Amino acid sequence: MNPSQELFDQLMIECENLGYTVYDHLPLESENAEYPFIAMGMTQLLPVTYKDALGGRISQTLDMWGDAESRPLVTKVINQLSLLGARTIRTKHFHFVGRPAAQDQQVLTDTSVPDTVLYHGVITLVFNLN
């Protein structure tokens, strides 16, 4: 199993357990996604090879999308997601240690859809692979 994929899958489950609709991609127009939702974003693995093990640092971006009335909710969810990145996550094959001081958070106003205001929360969680 690939460590970044296993972390991606576990974080997707954790987000669903928070009660939100989660996509492994930005939903297509044909999917008629309702706000709010979370979309799993970019994953980056910076590997470190030890003599007898694989280590490294994994960054996972999560995108929270809400409509014009949802800015307080987007902020709340970004805070909830930050807690996922402040703990240890054990999966079947790997052990990930959250690095909260390395997290990055933003809440953006998005007007790319005509006559629509959306709020887009972005958080990058960082974990050490042990």
C-alpha atoms as a PDB file:
ATOM      1  CA  MET A   1       0.000   0.000   0.000  1.00  0.00           C
ATOM      2  CA  ASN A   2       1.138   3.538  -0.767  1.00  0.00           C
ATOM      3  CA  PRO A   3       1.377   5.675   2.411  1.00  0.00           C
ATOM      4  CA  SER A   4      -0.030   8.841   0.825  1.00  0.00           C
ATOM      5  CA  GLN A   5      -3.035   6.911  -0.559  1.00  0.00           C
ATOM      6  CA  GLU A   6      -3.661   5.227   2.765  1.00  0.00           C
ATOM      7  CA  LEU A   7      -3.607   8.603   4.558  1.00  0.00           C
ATOM      8  CA  PHE A   8      -5.877  10.102   1.854  1.00  0.00           C
ATOM      9  CA  ASP A   9      -8.389   7.280   2.328  1.00  0.00           C
ATOM     10  CA  GLN A  10      -8.326   7.580   6.126  1.00  0.00           C
ATOM     11  CA  LEU A  11      -8.758  11.361   6.072  1.00  0.00           C
ATOM     12  CA  MET A  12     -11.701  10.963   3.694  1.00  0.00           C
ATOM     13  CA  ILE A  13     -13.328   8.589   6.191  1.00  0.00           C
ATOM     14  CA  GLU A  14     -12.578  10.994   9.066  1.00  0.00           C
ATOM     15  CA  CYS A  15     -14.220  13.883   7.155  1.00  0.00           C
ATOM     16  CA  GLU A  16     -17.297  11.757   6.422  1.00  0.00           C
ATOM     17  CA  ASN A  17     -17.445  10.856  10.145  1.00  0.00           C
ATOM     18  CA  LEU A  18     -17.710  14.589  10.889  1.00  0.00           C
ATOM     19  CA  GLY A  19     -21.000  14.470   8.966  1.00  0.00           C
ATOM     20  CA  TYR A  20     -20.000  16.175   5.708  1.00  0.00           C
ATOM     21  CA  THR A  21     -20.375  15.057   2.120  1.00  0.00           C
ATOM     22  CA  VAL A  22     -16.869  14.334   0.849  1.00  0.00           C
ATOM     23  CA  TYR A  23     -15.675  13.968  -2.736  1.00  0.00           C
ATOM     24  CA  ASP A  24     -12.336  12.582  -3.872  1.00  0.00           C
ATOM     25  CA  HIS A  25     -12.420  15.255  -6.604  1.00  0.00           C
ATOM     26  CA  LEU A  26     -14.023  18.623  -7.221  1.00  0.00           C
ATOM     27  CA  PRO A  27     -17.612  17.637  -8.141  1.00  0.00           C
ATOM     28  CA  LEU A  28     -18.642  17.896 -11.750  1.00  0.00           C
ATOM     29  CA  GLU A  29     -21.593  20.083 -12.693  1.00  0.00           C
ATOM     30  CA  SER A  30     -23.513  16.907 -13.593  1.00  0.00           C
ATOM     31  CA  GLU A  31     -23.134  15.641 -10.002  1.00  0.00           C
ATOM     32  CA  ASN A  32     -25.307  18.483  -8.615  1.00  0.00           C
ATOM     33  CA  ALA A  33     -23.307  18.745  -5.406  1.00  0.00           C
ATOM     34  CA  GLU A  34     -25.099  20.533  -2.590  1.00  0.00           C
ATOM     35  CA  TYR A  35     -23.247  22.968  -0.351  1.00  0.00           C
ATOM     36  CA  PRO A  36     -21.502  22.536   1.977  1.00  0.00           C
ATOM     37  CA  PHE A  37     -19.112  19.804   0.910  1.00  0.00           C
ATOM     38  CA  ILE A  38     -15.474  18.827   1.267  1.00  0.00           C
ATOM     39  CA  ALA A  39     -13.278  17.924  -1.694  1.00  0.00           C
ATOM     40  CA  MET A  40     -10.021  16.070  -1.150  1.00  0.00           C
ATOM     41  CA  GLY A  41      -7.257  18.090  -2.754  1.00  0.00           C
ATOM     42  CA  MET A  42      -3.581  17.746  -3.542  1.00  0.00           C
ATOM     43  CA  THR A  43      -1.383  15.153  -1.851  1.00  0.00           C
ATOM     44  CA  GLN A  44       2.372  15.533  -1.615  1.00  0.00           C
ATOM     45  CA  LEU A  45       4.831  12.943  -0.291  1.00  0.00           C
ATOM     46  CA  LEU A  46       8.394  13.989   0.446  1.00  0.00           C
ATOM     47  CA  PRO A  47      10.040  10.616   1.082  1.00  0.00           C
ATOM     48  CA  VAL A  48      12.935   9.926   3.389  1.00  0.00           C
ATOM     49  CA  THR A  49      14.557   6.545   2.947  1.00  0.00           C
ATOM     50  CA  TYR A  50      16.143   4.944   5.955  1.00  0.00           C
ATOM     51  CA  LYS A  51      18.302   1.833   5.877  1.00  0.00           C
ATOM     52  CA  ASP A  52      15.384  -0.430   6.749  1.00  0.00           C
ATOM     53  CA  ALA A  53      12.238   1.703   6.446  1.00  0.00           C
ATOM     54  CA  LEU A  54      10.380   4.367   4.525  1.00  0.00           C
ATOM     55  CA  GLY A  55       9.688   7.696   6.198  1.00  0.00           C
ATOM     56  CA  GLY A  56       8.804  11.147   5.057  1.00  0.00           C
ATOM     57  CA  ARG A  57       6.403  14.032   5.254  1.00  0.00           C
ATOM     58  CA  ILE A  58       2.945  13.972   3.671  1.00  0.00           C
ATOM     59  CA  SER A  59       0.868  17.073   2.988  1.00  0.00           C
ATOM     60  CA  GLN A  60      -2.846  16.705   2.246  1.00  0.00           C
ATOM     61  CA  THR A  61      -4.997  19.615   1.143  1.00  0.00           C
ATOM     62  CA  LEU A  62      -8.712  19.604   1.990  1.00  0.00           C
ATOM     63  CA  ASP A  63     -11.125  22.051   0.349  1.00  0.00           C
ATOM     64  CA  MET A  64     -14.370  23.063   2.082  1.00  0.00           C
ATOM     65  CA  TRP A  65     -16.993  24.715  -0.126  1.00  0.00           C
ATOM     66  CA  GLY A  66     -20.015  26.637   1.084  1.00  0.00           C
ATOM     67  CA  ASP A  67     -22.574  29.042  -0.370  1.00  0.00           C
ATOM     68  CA  ALA A  68     -22.904  32.762   0.416  1.00  0.00           C
ATOM     69  CA  GLU A  69     -24.570  32.130   3.788  1.00  0.00           C
ATOM     70  CA  SER A  70     -22.001  29.537   4.870  1.00  0.00           C
ATOM     71  CA  ARG A  71     -18.903  31.548   5.756  1.00  0.00           C
ATOM     72  CA  PRO A  72     -19.210  30.860   9.523  1.00  0.00           C
ATOM     73  CA  LEU A  73     -19.696  27.158   8.775  1.00  0.00           C
ATOM     74  CA  VAL A  74     -16.692  27.060   6.426  1.00  0.00           C
ATOM     75  CA  THR A  75     -14.549  28.587   9.182  1.00  0.00           C
ATOM     76  CA  LYS A  76     -15.918  26.089  11.738  1.00  0.00           C
ATOM     77  CA  VAL A  77     -15.201  23.120   9.474  1.00  0.00           C
ATOM     78  CA  ILE A  78     -11.668  24.310   8.705  1.00  0.00           C
ATOM     79  CA  ASN A  79     -11.084  24.432  12.465  1.00  0.00           C
ATOM     80  CA  GLN A  80     -12.496  20.896  12.850  1.00  0.00           C
ATOM     81  CA  LEU A  81     -10.246  19.670  10.048  1.00  0.00           C
ATOM     82  CA  SER A  82      -7.219  21.291  11.671  1.00  0.00           C
ATOM     83  CA  LEU A  83      -7.771  19.009  14.662  1.00  0.00           C
ATOM     84  CA  LEU A  84      -7.359  15.977  12.385  1.00  0.00           C
ATOM     85  CA  GLY A  85      -3.885  17.255  11.555  1.00  0.00           C
ATOM     86  CA  ALA A  86      -2.972  17.730  15.201  1.00  0.00           C
ATOM     87  CA  ARG A  87      -3.094  14.085  16.162  1.00  0.00           C
ATOM     88  CA  THR A  88      -1.625  10.708  15.365  1.00  0.00           C
ATOM     89  CA  ILE A  89      -3.407   8.577  12.780  1.00  0.00           C
ATOM     90  CA  ARG A  90      -2.767   4.853  12.616  1.00  0.00           C
ATOM     91  CA  THR A  91      -3.861   2.938   9.564  1.00  0.00           C
ATOM     92  CA  LYS A  92      -3.472  -0.721   8.694  1.00  0.00           C
ATOM     93  CA  HIS A  93       0.073  -0.290   7.378  1.00  0.00           C
ATOM     94  CA  PHE A  94       1.347   3.086   8.596  1.00  0.00           C
ATOM     95  CA  HIS A  95       1.664   5.494  11.498  1.00  0.00           C
ATOM     96  CA  PHE A  96       1.228   9.228  10.751  1.00  0.00           C
ATOM     97  CA  VAL A  97       2.053  11.978  13.252  1.00  0.00           C
ATOM     98  CA  GLY A  98       0.302  15.296  12.687  1.00  0.00           C
ATOM     99  CA  ARG A  99       2.390  18.472  12.563  1.00  0.00           C
ATOM    100  CA  PRO A 100      -0.086  21.258  13.428  1.00  0.00           C
ATOM    101  CA  ALA A 101       2.590  23.979  13.344  1.00  0.00           C
ATOM    102  CA  ALA A 102       3.121  23.198   9.651  1.00  0.00           C
ATOM    103  CA  GLN A 103      -0.561  23.550   8.698  1.00  0.00           C
ATOM    104  CA  ASP A 104      -1.782  26.267   6.367  1.00  0.00           C
ATOM    105  CA  GLN A 105      -5.377  27.603   6.422  1.00  0.00           C
ATOM    106  CA  GLN A 106      -7.284  30.048   4.213  1.00  0.00           C
ATOM    107  CA  VAL A 107     -10.883  31.129   3.666  1.00  0.00           C
ATOM    108  CA  LEU A 108     -11.423  32.645   0.225  1.00  0.00           C
ATOM    109  CA  THR A 109     -14.337  34.364  -1.475  1.00  0.00           C
ATOM    110  CA  ASP A 110     -15.002  32.726  -4.847  1.00  0.00           C
ATOM    111  CA  THR A 111     -17.040  34.522  -7.515  1.00  0.00           C
ATOM    112  CA  SER A 112     -15.994  32.317 -10.447  1.00  0.00           C
ATOM    113  CA  VAL A 113     -19.582  31.069 -10.930  1.00  0.00           C
ATOM    114  CA  PRO A 114     -21.704  33.848 -12.523  1.00  0.00           C
ATOM    115  CA  ASP A 115     -24.056  35.611 -10.091  1.00  0.00           C
ATOM    116  CA  THR A 116     -22.863  33.416  -7.216  1.00  0.00           C
ATOM    117  CA  VAL A 117     -20.748  33.999  -4.128  1.00  0.00           C
ATOM    118  CA  LEU A 118     -19.108  30.949  -2.626  1.00  0.00           C
ATOM    119  CA  TYR A 119     -16.758  30.535   0.316  1.00  0.00           C
ATOM    120  CA  HIS A 120     -13.813  28.230  -0.175  1.00  0.00           C
ATOM    121  CA  GLY A 121     -11.891  27.051   2.858  1.00  0.00           C
ATOM    122  CA  VAL A 122      -8.507  25.492   2.190  1.00  0.00           C
ATOM    123  CA  ILE A 123      -6.416  23.661   4.742  1.00  0.00           C
ATOM    124  CA  THR A 124      -3.197  21.777   4.221  1.00  0.00           C
ATOM    125  CA  LEU A 125      -2.568  19.130   6.858  1.00  0.00           C
ATOM    126  CA  VAL A 126       0.995  17.901   7.344  1.00  0.00           C
ATOM    127  CA  PHE A 127       1.998  14.538   8.768  1.00  0.00           C
ATOM    128  CA  ASN A 128       5.271  12.778   9.390  1.00  0.00           C
ATOM    129  CA  LEU A 129       5.284   9.185   8.210  1.00  0.00           C
ATOM    130  CA  ASN A 130       6.880   7.063  10.905  1.00  0.00           C
END
